[in-house]
Amino acid sequence: MGEDIQKYLESHSTVHREFAARVGTQLARNGIDDIGQLCSLLAKNPEDVRRLRNIGVKSMSVIYNICKVYQNEERRRP
């Protein structure tokens, strides 16, 4: 299992931490609790992420940005 999504969002978010924490909570409530899982789902079918309960346009912006950060970190790891 990879990194916890709520902790990752709070520590790596470039937006307001409270909003990032809220997005993490909503994702966890929808069964997505791992940042790698989220980014994989986003890459395969972004509409599936958008259809999750309480995930709107603002949340999607946070999700896209955080997945970019995560993917850049993954590329740098040996």
PDB file of N, CA and C in Angstrom:
ATOM      1  N   MET A   1       0.841  -1.173   0.000  1.00  0.00           N
ATOM      2  CA  MET A   1       0.000   0.000   0.000  1.00  0.00           C
ATOM      3  C   MET A   1       0.890   1.241   0.000  1.00  0.00           C
ATOM      4  N   GLY A   2       0.483   2.252  -0.731  1.00  0.00           N
ATOM      5  CA  GLY A   2       1.245   3.491  -0.836  1.00  0.00           C
ATOM      6  C   GLY A   2       0.925   4.460   0.277  1.00  0.00           C
ATOM      7  N   GLU A   3       1.120   5.706  -0.023  1.00  0.00           N
ATOM      8  CA  GLU A   3       0.914   6.746   0.988  1.00  0.00           C
ATOM      9  C   GLU A   3      -0.558   7.059   1.211  1.00  0.00           C
ATOM     10  N   ASP A   4      -0.889   7.326   2.466  1.00  0.00           N
ATOM     11  CA  ASP A   4      -2.242   7.702   2.853  1.00  0.00           C
ATOM     12  C   ASP A   4      -2.638   8.997   2.155  1.00  0.00           C
ATOM     13  N   ILE A   5      -3.779   8.985   1.520  1.00  0.00           N
ATOM     14  CA  ILE A   5      -4.203  10.115   0.695  1.00  0.00           C
ATOM     15  C   ILE A   5      -4.431  11.386   1.508  1.00  0.00           C
ATOM     16  N   GLN A   6      -5.017  11.271   2.676  1.00  0.00           N
ATOM     17  CA  GLN A   6      -5.294  12.466   3.466  1.00  0.00           C
ATOM     18  C   GLN A   6      -3.999  13.133   3.938  1.00  0.00           C
ATOM     19  N   LYS A   7      -3.072  12.345   4.422  1.00  0.00           N
ATOM     20  CA  LYS A   7      -1.790  12.905   4.871  1.00  0.00           C
ATOM     21  C   LYS A   7      -1.023  13.496   3.696  1.00  0.00           C
ATOM     22  N   TYR A   8      -1.058  12.814   2.565  1.00  0.00           N
ATOM     23  CA  TYR A   8      -0.334  13.297   1.396  1.00  0.00           C
ATOM     24  C   TYR A   8      -0.902  14.631   0.920  1.00  0.00           C
ATOM     25  N   LEU A   9      -2.215  14.726   0.837  1.00  0.00           N
ATOM     26  CA  LEU A   9      -2.848  15.970   0.404  1.00  0.00           C
ATOM     27  C   LEU A   9      -2.519  17.117   1.350  1.00  0.00           C
ATOM     28  N   GLU A  10      -2.563  16.870   2.636  1.00  0.00           N
ATOM     29  CA  GLU A  10      -2.281  17.920   3.608  1.00  0.00           C
ATOM     30  C   GLU A  10      -0.831  18.394   3.540  1.00  0.00           C
ATOM     31  N   SER A  11       0.077  17.485   3.287  1.00  0.00           N
ATOM     32  CA  SER A  11       1.493  17.858   3.314  1.00  0.00           C
ATOM     33  C   SER A  11       2.026  18.347   1.967  1.00  0.00           C
ATOM     34  N   HIS A  12       1.361  18.013   0.868  1.00  0.00           N
ATOM     35  CA  HIS A  12       1.874  18.370  -0.451  1.00  0.00           C
ATOM     36  C   HIS A  12       0.999  19.348  -1.230  1.00  0.00           C
ATOM     37  N   SER A  13      -0.101  19.713  -0.690  1.00  0.00           N
ATOM     38  CA  SER A  13      -1.033  20.564  -1.421  1.00  0.00           C
ATOM     39  C   SER A  13      -0.507  21.983  -1.572  1.00  0.00           C
ATOM     40  N   THR A  14      -0.776  22.554  -2.729  1.00  0.00           N
ATOM     41  CA  THR A  14      -0.396  23.940  -2.990  1.00  0.00           C
ATOM     42  C   THR A  14      -1.564  24.882  -2.734  1.00  0.00           C
ATOM     43  N   VAL A  15      -2.704  24.335  -2.334  1.00  0.00           N
ATOM     44  CA  VAL A  15      -3.882  25.148  -2.024  1.00  0.00           C
ATOM     45  C   VAL A  15      -4.107  25.134  -0.516  1.00  0.00           C
ATOM     46  N   HIS A  16      -5.113  25.794  -0.087  1.00  0.00           N
ATOM     47  CA  HIS A  16      -5.476  25.877   1.328  1.00  0.00           C
ATOM     48  C   HIS A  16      -5.526  24.478   1.938  1.00  0.00           C
ATOM     49  N   ARG A  17      -4.799  24.267   2.997  1.00  0.00           N
ATOM     50  CA  ARG A  17      -4.687  22.935   3.613  1.00  0.00           C
ATOM     51  C   ARG A  17      -6.039  22.384   4.089  1.00  0.00           C
ATOM     52  N   GLU A  18      -6.895  23.254   4.592  1.00  0.00           N
ATOM     53  CA  GLU A  18      -8.206  22.782   5.055  1.00  0.00           C
ATOM     54  C   GLU A  18      -9.023  22.225   3.898  1.00  0.00           C
ATOM     55  N   PHE A  19      -8.974  22.899   2.746  1.00  0.00           N
ATOM     56  CA  PHE A  19      -9.711  22.401   1.593  1.00  0.00           C
ATOM     57  C   PHE A  19      -9.093  21.098   1.101  1.00  0.00           C
ATOM     58  N   ALA A  20      -7.783  21.017   1.079  1.00  0.00           N
ATOM     59  CA  ALA A  20      -7.107  19.788   0.658  1.00  0.00           C
ATOM     60  C   ALA A  20      -7.467  18.640   1.598  1.00  0.00           C
ATOM     61  N   ALA A  21      -7.539  18.928   2.884  1.00  0.00           N
ATOM     62  CA  ALA A  21      -7.933  17.903   3.854  1.00  0.00           C
ATOM     63  C   ALA A  21      -9.359  17.436   3.604  1.00  0.00           C
ATOM     64  N   ARG A  22     -10.235  18.374   3.250  1.00  0.00           N
ATOM     65  CA  ARG A  22     -11.625  18.028   2.946  1.00  0.00           C
ATOM     66  C   ARG A  22     -11.706  17.122   1.714  1.00  0.00           C
ATOM     67  N   VAL A  23     -10.907  17.433   0.688  1.00  0.00           N
ATOM     68  CA  VAL A  23     -10.876  16.597  -0.516  1.00  0.00           C
ATOM     69  C   VAL A  23     -10.395  15.192  -0.145  1.00  0.00           C
ATOM     70  N   GLY A  24      -9.364  15.121   0.688  1.00  0.00           N
ATOM     71  CA  GLY A  24      -8.860  13.824   1.133  1.00  0.00           C
ATOM     72  C   GLY A  24      -9.911  13.024   1.882  1.00  0.00           C
ATOM     73  N   THR A  25     -10.675  13.705   2.723  1.00  0.00           N
ATOM     74  CA  THR A  25     -11.743  13.042   3.463  1.00  0.00           C
ATOM     75  C   THR A  25     -12.811  12.505   2.524  1.00  0.00           C
ATOM     76  N   GLN A  26     -13.199  13.304   1.546  1.00  0.00           N
ATOM     77  CA  GLN A  26     -14.219  12.860   0.586  1.00  0.00           C
ATOM     78  C   GLN A  26     -13.734  11.666  -0.237  1.00  0.00           C
ATOM     79  N   LEU A  27     -12.482  11.703  -0.629  1.00  0.00           N
ATOM     80  CA  LEU A  27     -11.931  10.574  -1.389  1.00  0.00           C
ATOM     81  C   LEU A  27     -11.918   9.316  -0.531  1.00  0.00           C
ATOM     82  N   ALA A  28     -11.501   9.445   0.721  1.00  0.00           N
ATOM     83  CA  ALA A  28     -11.479   8.298   1.632  1.00  0.00           C
ATOM     84  C   ALA A  28     -12.881   7.745   1.844  1.00  0.00           C
ATOM     85  N   ARG A  29     -13.856   8.617   1.955  1.00  0.00           N
ATOM     86  CA  ARG A  29     -15.246   8.169   2.119  1.00  0.00           C
ATOM     87  C   ARG A  29     -15.752   7.429   0.878  1.00  0.00           C
ATOM     88  N   ASN A  30     -15.132   7.706  -0.245  1.00  0.00           N
ATOM     89  CA  ASN A  30     -15.492   7.028  -1.492  1.00  0.00           C
ATOM     90  C   ASN A  30     -14.632   5.782  -1.726  1.00  0.00           C
ATOM     91  N   GLY A  31     -13.823   5.415  -0.746  1.00  0.00           N
ATOM     92  CA  GLY A  31     -13.039   4.189  -0.830  1.00  0.00           C
ATOM     93  C   GLY A  31     -11.653   4.355  -1.437  1.00  0.00           C
ATOM     94  N   ILE A  32     -11.238   5.588  -1.668  1.00  0.00           N
ATOM     95  CA  ILE A  32      -9.908   5.832  -2.217  1.00  0.00           C
ATOM     96  C   ILE A  32      -9.051   6.378  -1.085  1.00  0.00           C
ATOM     97  N   ASP A  33      -8.158   5.538  -0.585  1.00  0.00           N
ATOM     98  CA  ASP A  33      -7.361   5.944   0.573  1.00  0.00           C
ATOM     99  C   ASP A  33      -5.867   5.959   0.298  1.00  0.00           C
ATOM    100  N   ASP A  34      -5.487   5.793  -0.951  1.00  0.00           N
ATOM    101  CA  ASP A  34      -4.087   5.729  -1.327  1.00  0.00           C
ATOM    102  C   ASP A  34      -3.837   6.668  -2.510  1.00  0.00           C
ATOM    103  N   ILE A  35      -2.813   7.496  -2.417  1.00  0.00           N
ATOM    104  CA  ILE A  35      -2.540   8.473  -3.467  1.00  0.00           C
ATOM    105  C   ILE A  35      -2.195   7.800  -4.795  1.00  0.00           C
ATOM    106  N   GLY A  36      -1.489   6.691  -4.750  1.00  0.00           N
ATOM    107  CA  GLY A  36      -1.170   5.957  -5.975  1.00  0.00           C
ATOM    108  C   GLY A  36      -2.431   5.433  -6.658  1.00  0.00           C
ATOM    109  N   GLN A  37      -3.357   4.947  -5.865  1.00  0.00           N
ATOM    110  CA  GLN A  37      -4.638   4.453  -6.372  1.00  0.00           C
ATOM    111  C   GLN A  37      -5.405   5.587  -7.049  1.00  0.00           C
ATOM    112  N   LEU A  38      -5.418   6.748  -6.418  1.00  0.00           N
ATOM    113  CA  LEU A  38      -6.114   7.902  -6.979  1.00  0.00           C
ATOM    114  C   LEU A  38      -5.512   8.303  -8.321  1.00  0.00           C
ATOM    115  N   CYS A  39      -4.201   8.428  -8.368  1.00  0.00           N
ATOM    116  CA  CYS A  39      -3.546   8.875  -9.597  1.00  0.00           C
ATOM    117  C   CYS A  39      -3.712   7.853 -10.718  1.00  0.00           C
ATOM    118  N   SER A  40      -3.713   6.582 -10.384  1.00  0.00           N
ATOM    119  CA  SER A  40      -3.947   5.537 -11.377  1.00  0.00           C
ATOM    120  C   SER A  40      -5.368   5.633 -11.931  1.00  0.00           C
ATOM    121  N   LEU A  41      -6.337   5.806 -11.056  1.00  0.00           N
ATOM    122  CA  LEU A  41      -7.728   5.954 -11.483  1.00  0.00           C
ATOM    123  C   LEU A  41      -7.899   7.204 -12.337  1.00  0.00           C
ATOM    124  N   LEU A  42      -7.264   8.284 -11.942  1.00  0.00           N
ATOM    125  CA  LEU A  42      -7.352   9.536 -12.696  1.00  0.00           C
ATOM    126  C   LEU A  42      -6.764   9.373 -14.096  1.00  0.00           C
ATOM    127  N   ALA A  43      -5.662   8.659 -14.201  1.00  0.00           N
ATOM    128  CA  ALA A  43      -5.021   8.449 -15.501  1.00  0.00           C
ATOM    129  C   ALA A  43      -5.876   7.566 -16.411  1.00  0.00           C
ATOM    130  N   LYS A  44      -6.515   6.560 -15.839  1.00  0.00           N
ATOM    131  CA  LYS A  44      -7.325   5.634 -16.631  1.00  0.00           C
ATOM    132  C   LYS A  44      -8.640   6.253 -17.083  1.00  0.00           C
ATOM    133  N   ASN A  45      -9.335   6.905 -16.130  1.00  0.00           N
ATOM    134  CA  ASN A  45     -10.639   7.472 -16.464  1.00  0.00           C
ATOM    135  C   ASN A  45     -10.986   8.608 -15.503  1.00  0.00           C
ATOM    136  N   PRO A  46     -10.643   9.829 -15.876  1.00  0.00           N
ATOM    137  CA  PRO A  46     -10.917  10.973 -14.994  1.00  0.00           C
ATOM    138  C   PRO A  46     -12.396  11.142 -14.656  1.00  0.00           C
ATOM    139  N   GLU A  47     -13.264  10.734 -15.545  1.00  0.00           N
ATOM    140  CA  GLU A  47     -14.701  10.871 -15.283  1.00  0.00           C
ATOM    141  C   GLU A  47     -15.145  10.012 -14.108  1.00  0.00           C
ATOM    142  N   ASP A  48     -14.485   8.882 -13.893  1.00  0.00           N
ATOM    143  CA  ASP A  48     -14.823   8.056 -12.727  1.00  0.00           C
ATOM    144  C   ASP A  48     -14.518   8.805 -11.440  1.00  0.00           C
ATOM    145  N   VAL A  49     -13.432   9.560 -11.435  1.00  0.00           N
ATOM    146  CA  VAL A  49     -13.095  10.358 -10.255  1.00  0.00           C
ATOM    147  C   VAL A  49     -14.125  11.476 -10.089  1.00  0.00           C
ATOM    148  N   ARG A  50     -14.462  12.121 -11.177  1.00  0.00           N
ATOM    149  CA  ARG A  50     -15.415  13.238 -11.142  1.00  0.00           C
ATOM    150  C   ARG A  50     -16.796  12.793 -10.657  1.00  0.00           C
ATOM    151  N   ARG A  51     -17.151  11.571 -10.916  1.00  0.00           N
ATOM    152  CA  ARG A  51     -18.467  11.053 -10.516  1.00  0.00           C
ATOM    153  C   ARG A  51     -18.548  10.675  -9.039  1.00  0.00           C
ATOM    154  N   LEU A  52     -17.422  10.674  -8.353  1.00  0.00           N
ATOM    155  CA  LEU A  52     -17.443  10.324  -6.937  1.00  0.00           C
ATOM    156  C   LEU A  52     -18.270  11.351  -6.165  1.00  0.00           C
ATOM    157  N   ARG A  53     -18.902  10.895  -5.132  1.00  0.00           N
ATOM    158  CA  ARG A  53     -19.757  11.764  -4.326  1.00  0.00           C
ATOM    159  C   ARG A  53     -18.947  12.914  -3.726  1.00  0.00           C
ATOM    160  N   ASN A  54     -19.480  14.115  -3.852  1.00  0.00           N
ATOM    161  CA  ASN A  54     -18.898  15.348  -3.314  1.00  0.00           C
ATOM    162  C   ASN A  54     -17.561  15.738  -3.928  1.00  0.00           C
ATOM    163  N   ILE A  55     -17.280  15.262  -5.108  1.00  0.00           N
ATOM    164  CA  ILE A  55     -16.075  15.675  -5.835  1.00  0.00           C
ATOM    165  C   ILE A  55     -16.535  16.551  -6.991  1.00  0.00           C
ATOM    166  N   GLY A  56     -16.236  17.838  -6.875  1.00  0.00           N
ATOM    167  CA  GLY A  56     -16.647  18.796  -7.893  1.00  0.00           C
ATOM    168  C   GLY A  56     -15.458  19.358  -8.646  1.00  0.00           C
ATOM    169  N   VAL A  57     -15.697  20.456  -9.326  1.00  0.00           N
ATOM    170  CA  VAL A  57     -14.673  21.077 -10.165  1.00  0.00           C
ATOM    171  C   VAL A  57     -13.466  21.518  -9.329  1.00  0.00           C
ATOM    172  N   LYS A  58     -13.695  22.149  -8.191  1.00  0.00           N
ATOM    173  CA  LYS A  58     -12.588  22.599  -7.343  1.00  0.00           C
ATOM    174  C   LYS A  58     -11.782  21.416  -6.822  1.00  0.00           C
ATOM    175  N   SER A  59     -12.483  20.376  -6.415  1.00  0.00           N
ATOM    176  CA  SER A  59     -11.797  19.177  -5.933  1.00  0.00           C
ATOM    177  C   SER A  59     -10.976  18.538  -7.037  1.00  0.00           C
ATOM    178  N   MET A  60     -11.514  18.511  -8.236  1.00  0.00           N
ATOM    179  CA  MET A  60     -10.782  17.923  -9.363  1.00  0.00           C
ATOM    180  C   MET A  60      -9.503  18.703  -9.636  1.00  0.00           C
ATOM    181  N   SER A  61      -9.543  20.008  -9.477  1.00  0.00           N
ATOM    182  CA  SER A  61      -8.348  20.822  -9.662  1.00  0.00           C
ATOM    183  C   SER A  61      -7.266  20.418  -8.655  1.00  0.00           C
ATOM    184  N   VAL A  62      -7.659  20.244  -7.416  1.00  0.00           N
ATOM    185  CA  VAL A  62      -6.722  19.803  -6.379  1.00  0.00           C
ATOM    186  C   VAL A  62      -6.180  18.422  -6.726  1.00  0.00           C
ATOM    187  N   ILE A  63      -7.042  17.533  -7.158  1.00  0.00           N
ATOM    188  CA  ILE A  63      -6.651  16.160  -7.478  1.00  0.00           C
ATOM    189  C   ILE A  63      -5.667  16.133  -8.647  1.00  0.00           C
ATOM    190  N   TYR A  64      -5.943  16.880  -9.713  1.00  0.00           N
ATOM    191  CA  TYR A  64      -5.013  16.929 -10.839  1.00  0.00           C
ATOM    192  C   TYR A  64      -3.649  17.443 -10.393  1.00  0.00           C
ATOM    193  N   ASN A  65      -3.644  18.519  -9.618  1.00  0.00           N
ATOM    194  CA  ASN A  65      -2.378  19.100  -9.170  1.00  0.00           C
ATOM    195  C   ASN A  65      -1.596  18.154  -8.266  1.00  0.00           C
ATOM    196  N   ILE A  66      -2.277  17.519  -7.338  1.00  0.00           N
ATOM    197  CA  ILE A  66      -1.582  16.639  -6.409  1.00  0.00           C
ATOM    198  C   ILE A  66      -1.057  15.399  -7.119  1.00  0.00           C
ATOM    199  N   CYS A  67      -1.754  14.929  -8.133  1.00  0.00           N
ATOM    200  CA  CYS A  67      -1.261  13.769  -8.890  1.00  0.00           C
ATOM    201  C   CYS A  67      -0.025  14.138  -9.712  1.00  0.00           C
ATOM    202  N   LYS A  68       0.032  15.372 -10.199  1.00  0.00           N
ATOM    203  CA  LYS A  68       1.243  15.823 -10.898  1.00  0.00           C
ATOM    204  C   LYS A  68       2.431  15.807  -9.946  1.00  0.00           C
ATOM    205  N   VAL A  69       2.228  16.316  -8.740  1.00  0.00           N
ATOM    206  CA  VAL A  69       3.291  16.327  -7.730  1.00  0.00           C
ATOM    207  C   VAL A  69       3.724  14.899  -7.425  1.00  0.00           C
ATOM    208  N   TYR A  70       2.762  14.014  -7.212  1.00  0.00           N
ATOM    209  CA  TYR A  70       3.050  12.619  -6.882  1.00  0.00           C
ATOM    210  C   TYR A  70       3.818  11.934  -8.019  1.00  0.00           C
ATOM    211  N   GLN A  71       3.387  12.135  -9.243  1.00  0.00           N
ATOM    212  CA  GLN A  71       4.060  11.506 -10.382  1.00  0.00           C
ATOM    213  C   GLN A  71       5.480  12.029 -10.540  1.00  0.00           C
ATOM    214  N   ASN A  72       5.701  13.309 -10.313  1.00  0.00           N
ATOM    215  CA  ASN A  72       7.058  13.860 -10.364  1.00  0.00           C
ATOM    216  C   ASN A  72       7.936  13.243  -9.284  1.00  0.00           C
ATOM    217  N   GLU A  73       7.404  13.052  -8.102  1.00  0.00           N
ATOM    218  CA  GLU A  73       8.153  12.417  -7.020  1.00  0.00           C
ATOM    219  C   GLU A  73       8.481  10.972  -7.364  1.00  0.00           C
ATOM    220  N   GLU A  74       7.544  10.279  -7.961  1.00  0.00           N
ATOM    221  CA  GLU A  74       7.750   8.879  -8.328  1.00  0.00           C
ATOM    222  C   GLU A  74       8.853   8.745  -9.377  1.00  0.00           C
ATOM    223  N   ARG A  75       8.927   9.675 -10.304  1.00  0.00           N
ATOM    224  CA  ARG A  75       9.964   9.642 -11.342  1.00  0.00           C
ATOM    225  C   ARG A  75      11.352   9.837 -10.743  1.00  0.00           C
ATOM    226  N   ARG A  76      11.436  10.623  -9.681  1.00  0.00           N
ATOM    227  CA  ARG A  76      12.726  10.917  -9.060  1.00  0.00           C
ATOM    228  C   ARG A  76      13.226   9.802  -8.154  1.00  0.00           C
ATOM    229  N   ARG A  77      12.348   8.915  -7.740  1.00  0.00           N
ATOM    230  CA  ARG A  77      12.752   7.835  -6.831  1.00  0.00           C
ATOM    231  C   ARG A  77      13.572   6.803  -7.603  1.00  0.00           C
ATOM    232  N   PRO A  78      14.618   6.276  -6.953  1.00  0.00           N
ATOM    233  CA  PRO A  78      15.471   5.288  -7.623  1.00  0.00           C
ATOM    234  C   PRO A  78      14.800   3.949  -7.797  1.00  0.00           C
TER     235      PRO A  78
END
